């Protein structure tokens, strides 16, 4: 592996009974964010991650406090339909992998997550990587 390949990685995470999700990790192994939704097949997971990476600039991230009074962030993709009631089913696509003691630390976590997605998007456009995703 070359030195320039070191960077964020998307990992497939088994969840419960035959479901899958994902986690985004930095080069040092620290989790940058995790997927909120679960998927029945690897193809569903791949399609969802592809959409997340392609639409990363449209993500809306919110910061708030959990019941444990830790700061957490949540990321949402906009609803892309005009069907009545479709927006009601929209939910988060990613969240912080942990809680933060301070709001500024949480905001830095959002920045790290978005930077990781940006880097994955750039790597996916490299020659020879058209059909390959880094997870």
C-alpha atoms as a PDB file:
ATOM      1  CA  UNK A   1       0.000   0.000   0.000  1.00  0.00           C
ATOM      2  CA  UNK A   2       1.414   3.410  -0.940  1.00  0.00           C
ATOM      3  CA  UNK A   3       1.658   6.248   1.552  1.00  0.00           C
ATOM      4  CA  UNK A   4      -0.866   8.386  -0.358  1.00  0.00           C
ATOM      5  CA  UNK A   5      -3.475   5.601  -0.009  1.00  0.00           C
ATOM      6  CA  UNK A   6      -3.532   6.003   3.748  1.00  0.00           C
ATOM      7  CA  UNK A   7      -6.669   7.835   4.589  1.00  0.00           C
ATOM      8  CA  UNK A   8     -10.239   7.277   5.692  1.00  0.00           C
ATOM      9  CA  UNK A   9     -11.805   3.869   5.133  1.00  0.00           C
ATOM     10  CA  UNK A  10     -15.395   2.709   4.974  1.00  0.00           C
ATOM     11  CA  UNK A  11     -15.980  -0.544   6.777  1.00  0.00           C
ATOM     12  CA  UNK A  12     -18.917  -2.912   6.500  1.00  0.00           C
ATOM     13  CA  UNK A  13     -20.418  -3.591   9.934  1.00  0.00           C
ATOM     14  CA  UNK A  14     -22.664  -6.620  10.585  1.00  0.00           C
ATOM     15  CA  UNK A  15     -25.716  -5.598  12.627  1.00  0.00           C
ATOM     16  CA  UNK A  16     -28.073  -7.981  14.354  1.00  0.00           C
ATOM     17  CA  UNK A  17     -29.686 -10.721  12.340  1.00  0.00           C
ATOM     18  CA  UNK A  18     -28.248 -10.589   8.788  1.00  0.00           C
ATOM     19  CA  UNK A  19     -28.272  -6.798   8.465  1.00  0.00           C
ATOM     20  CA  UNK A  20     -25.392  -4.569   7.453  1.00  0.00           C
ATOM     21  CA  UNK A  21     -24.337  -0.998   8.110  1.00  0.00           C
ATOM     22  CA  UNK A  22     -21.112   0.989   7.735  1.00  0.00           C
ATOM     23  CA  UNK A  23     -18.540   2.938   9.725  1.00  0.00           C
ATOM     24  CA  UNK A  24     -16.122   5.578   8.480  1.00  0.00           C
ATOM     25  CA  UNK A  25     -12.677   5.414  10.090  1.00  0.00           C
ATOM     26  CA  UNK A  26      -9.708   7.740   9.889  1.00  0.00           C
ATOM     27  CA  UNK A  27      -6.273   6.421   8.889  1.00  0.00           C
ATOM     28  CA  UNK A  28      -5.393   6.124  12.594  1.00  0.00           C
ATOM     29  CA  UNK A  29      -8.433   3.880  13.218  1.00  0.00           C
ATOM     30  CA  UNK A  30     -10.530   6.507  15.016  1.00  0.00           C
ATOM     31  CA  UNK A  31     -14.189   6.336  14.039  1.00  0.00           C
ATOM     32  CA  UNK A  32     -15.356   9.462  12.222  1.00  0.00           C
ATOM     33  CA  UNK A  33     -19.004   8.451  11.925  1.00  0.00           C
ATOM     34  CA  UNK A  34     -21.375   5.522  11.592  1.00  0.00           C
ATOM     35  CA  UNK A  35     -24.370   4.731   9.439  1.00  0.00           C
ATOM     36  CA  UNK A  36     -27.791   4.986  11.035  1.00  0.00           C
ATOM     37  CA  UNK A  37     -29.709   2.754   8.650  1.00  0.00           C
ATOM     38  CA  UNK A  38     -29.312  -0.983   8.150  1.00  0.00           C
ATOM     39  CA  UNK A  39     -29.390  -2.871   4.862  1.00  0.00           C
ATOM     40  CA  UNK A  40     -30.413  -6.401   3.957  1.00  0.00           C
ATOM     41  CA  UNK A  41     -27.807  -6.981   1.258  1.00  0.00           C
ATOM     42  CA  UNK A  42     -24.323  -5.818   0.341  1.00  0.00           C
ATOM     43  CA  UNK A  43     -25.754  -4.303  -2.848  1.00  0.00           C
ATOM     44  CA  UNK A  44     -28.216  -2.153  -0.854  1.00  0.00           C
ATOM     45  CA  UNK A  45     -25.350  -1.049   1.383  1.00  0.00           C
ATOM     46  CA  UNK A  46     -23.114  -0.260  -1.608  1.00  0.00           C
ATOM     47  CA  UNK A  47     -25.879   1.778  -3.270  1.00  0.00           C
ATOM     48  CA  UNK A  48     -26.540   3.757  -0.069  1.00  0.00           C
ATOM     49  CA  UNK A  49     -22.841   4.495   0.481  1.00  0.00           C
ATOM     50  CA  UNK A  50     -22.425   5.497  -3.156  1.00  0.00           C
ATOM     51  CA  UNK A  51     -25.323   7.955  -2.785  1.00  0.00           C
ATOM     52  CA  UNK A  52     -23.846   9.305   0.465  1.00  0.00           C
ATOM     53  CA  UNK A  53     -20.466   9.941  -1.151  1.00  0.00           C
ATOM     54  CA  UNK A  54     -21.923  11.446  -4.326  1.00  0.00           C
ATOM     55  CA  UNK A  55     -24.396  13.648  -2.427  1.00  0.00           C
ATOM     56  CA  UNK A  56     -22.019  14.570   0.415  1.00  0.00           C
ATOM     57  CA  UNK A  57     -22.194  18.286  -0.337  1.00  0.00           C
ATOM     58  CA  UNK A  58     -25.971  18.210   0.241  1.00  0.00           C
ATOM     59  CA  UNK A  59     -25.656  16.727   3.750  1.00  0.00           C
ATOM     60  CA  UNK A  60     -27.236  18.756   6.529  1.00  0.00           C
ATOM     61  CA  UNK A  61     -25.587  18.150   9.899  1.00  0.00           C
ATOM     62  CA  UNK A  62     -27.126  19.026  13.239  1.00  0.00           C
ATOM     63  CA  UNK A  63     -25.426  19.168  16.631  1.00  0.00           C
ATOM     64  CA  UNK A  64     -27.217  18.578  19.919  1.00  0.00           C
ATOM     65  CA  UNK A  65     -26.955  16.999  23.339  1.00  0.00           C
ATOM     66  CA  UNK A  66     -27.871  13.425  24.166  1.00  0.00           C
ATOM     67  CA  UNK A  67     -29.740  12.315  27.280  1.00  0.00           C
ATOM     68  CA  UNK A  68     -26.319  11.723  28.855  1.00  0.00           C
ATOM     69  CA  UNK A  69     -25.532  15.432  28.221  1.00  0.00           C
ATOM     70  CA  UNK A  70     -22.840  14.604  25.655  1.00  0.00           C
ATOM     71  CA  UNK A  71     -22.656  16.467  22.360  1.00  0.00           C
ATOM     72  CA  UNK A  72     -23.531  14.380  19.280  1.00  0.00           C
ATOM     73  CA  UNK A  73     -24.058  15.129  15.603  1.00  0.00           C
ATOM     74  CA  UNK A  74     -26.454  13.689  13.033  1.00  0.00           C
ATOM     75  CA  UNK A  75     -26.299  13.961   9.234  1.00  0.00           C
ATOM     76  CA  UNK A  76     -29.299  14.048   6.885  1.00  0.00           C
ATOM     77  CA  UNK A  77     -29.596  13.849   3.108  1.00  0.00           C
ATOM     78  CA  UNK A  78     -32.386  15.942   1.571  1.00  0.00           C
ATOM     79  CA  UNK A  79     -35.501  14.207   0.308  1.00  0.00           C
ATOM     80  CA  UNK A  80     -35.391  14.075  -3.493  1.00  0.00           C
ATOM     81  CA  UNK A  81     -39.060  13.559  -4.275  1.00  0.00           C
ATOM     82  CA  UNK A  82     -42.203  15.623  -4.564  1.00  0.00           C
ATOM     83  CA  UNK A  83     -44.471  12.754  -3.442  1.00  0.00           C
ATOM     84  CA  UNK A  84     -46.801  13.938  -0.669  1.00  0.00           C
ATOM     85  CA  UNK A  85     -45.738  12.565   2.704  1.00  0.00           C
ATOM     86  CA  UNK A  86     -42.344  11.305   1.489  1.00  0.00           C
ATOM     87  CA  UNK A  87     -40.447  13.760   3.696  1.00  0.00           C
ATOM     88  CA  UNK A  88     -42.056  12.240   6.799  1.00  0.00           C
ATOM     89  CA  UNK A  89     -40.142   9.002   6.203  1.00  0.00           C
ATOM     90  CA  UNK A  90     -36.835  10.811   5.815  1.00  0.00           C
ATOM     91  CA  UNK A  91     -34.403  10.224   8.605  1.00  0.00           C
ATOM     92  CA  UNK A  92     -30.752  10.518   9.459  1.00  0.00           C
ATOM     93  CA  UNK A  93     -28.142   8.692   7.386  1.00  0.00           C
ATOM     94  CA  UNK A  94     -25.128   9.058   9.706  1.00  0.00           C
ATOM     95  CA  UNK A  95     -24.263  10.046  13.255  1.00  0.00           C
ATOM     96  CA  UNK A  96     -21.277  10.595  15.467  1.00  0.00           C
ATOM     97  CA  UNK A  97     -19.614   7.399  16.613  1.00  0.00           C
ATOM     98  CA  UNK A  98     -19.349   8.757  20.147  1.00  0.00           C
ATOM     99  CA  UNK A  99     -20.428  11.617  22.369  1.00  0.00           C
ATOM    100  CA  UNK A 100     -18.250  14.680  22.968  1.00  0.00           C
ATOM    101  CA  UNK A 101     -17.809  16.670  26.161  1.00  0.00           C
ATOM    102  CA  UNK A 102     -17.837  20.041  24.383  1.00  0.00           C
ATOM    103  CA  UNK A 103     -19.806  21.476  21.472  1.00  0.00           C
ATOM    104  CA  UNK A 104     -16.652  22.628  19.646  1.00  0.00           C
ATOM    105  CA  UNK A 105     -15.245  19.070  19.812  1.00  0.00           C
ATOM    106  CA  UNK A 106     -18.482  17.769  18.313  1.00  0.00           C
ATOM    107  CA  UNK A 107     -18.344  20.357  15.541  1.00  0.00           C
ATOM    108  CA  UNK A 108     -14.750  19.283  14.822  1.00  0.00           C
ATOM    109  CA  UNK A 109     -16.105  15.714  14.586  1.00  0.00           C
ATOM    110  CA  UNK A 110     -18.583  16.851  11.915  1.00  0.00           C
ATOM    111  CA  UNK A 111     -15.740  18.510  10.013  1.00  0.00           C
ATOM    112  CA  UNK A 112     -13.637  15.342  10.223  1.00  0.00           C
ATOM    113  CA  UNK A 113     -16.523  13.209   8.960  1.00  0.00           C
ATOM    114  CA  UNK A 114     -17.224  15.515   6.022  1.00  0.00           C
ATOM    115  CA  UNK A 115     -13.508  15.676   5.178  1.00  0.00           C
ATOM    116  CA  UNK A 116     -13.347  11.886   5.226  1.00  0.00           C
ATOM    117  CA  UNK A 117     -16.273  11.663   2.799  1.00  0.00           C
ATOM    118  CA  UNK A 118     -14.615  14.262   0.598  1.00  0.00           C
ATOM    119  CA  UNK A 119     -11.414  12.241   0.465  1.00  0.00           C
ATOM    120  CA  UNK A 120     -13.316   9.034  -0.341  1.00  0.00           C
ATOM    121  CA  UNK A 121     -15.087  10.874  -3.156  1.00  0.00           C
ATOM    122  CA  UNK A 122     -11.767  12.026  -4.577  1.00  0.00           C
ATOM    123  CA  UNK A 123     -10.262   8.529  -4.344  1.00  0.00           C
ATOM    124  CA  UNK A 124     -13.259   6.972  -6.081  1.00  0.00           C
ATOM    125  CA  UNK A 125     -12.574   9.143  -9.144  1.00  0.00           C
ATOM    126  CA  UNK A 126      -8.994   7.937  -9.529  1.00  0.00           C
ATOM    127  CA  UNK A 127      -8.217   5.945 -12.689  1.00  0.00           C
ATOM    128  CA  UNK A 128      -8.918   2.257 -12.222  1.00  0.00           C
ATOM    129  CA  UNK A 129     -11.342   2.845  -9.322  1.00  0.00           C
ATOM    130  CA  UNK A 130     -14.570   3.521 -11.243  1.00  0.00           C
ATOM    131  CA  UNK A 131     -16.424   0.466  -9.948  1.00  0.00           C
ATOM    132  CA  UNK A 132     -14.503   0.080  -6.735  1.00  0.00           C
ATOM    133  CA  UNK A 133     -15.449   1.634  -3.408  1.00  0.00           C
ATOM    134  CA  UNK A 134     -13.083   1.817  -0.442  1.00  0.00           C
ATOM    135  CA  UNK A 135     -14.934  -0.550   1.883  1.00  0.00           C
END
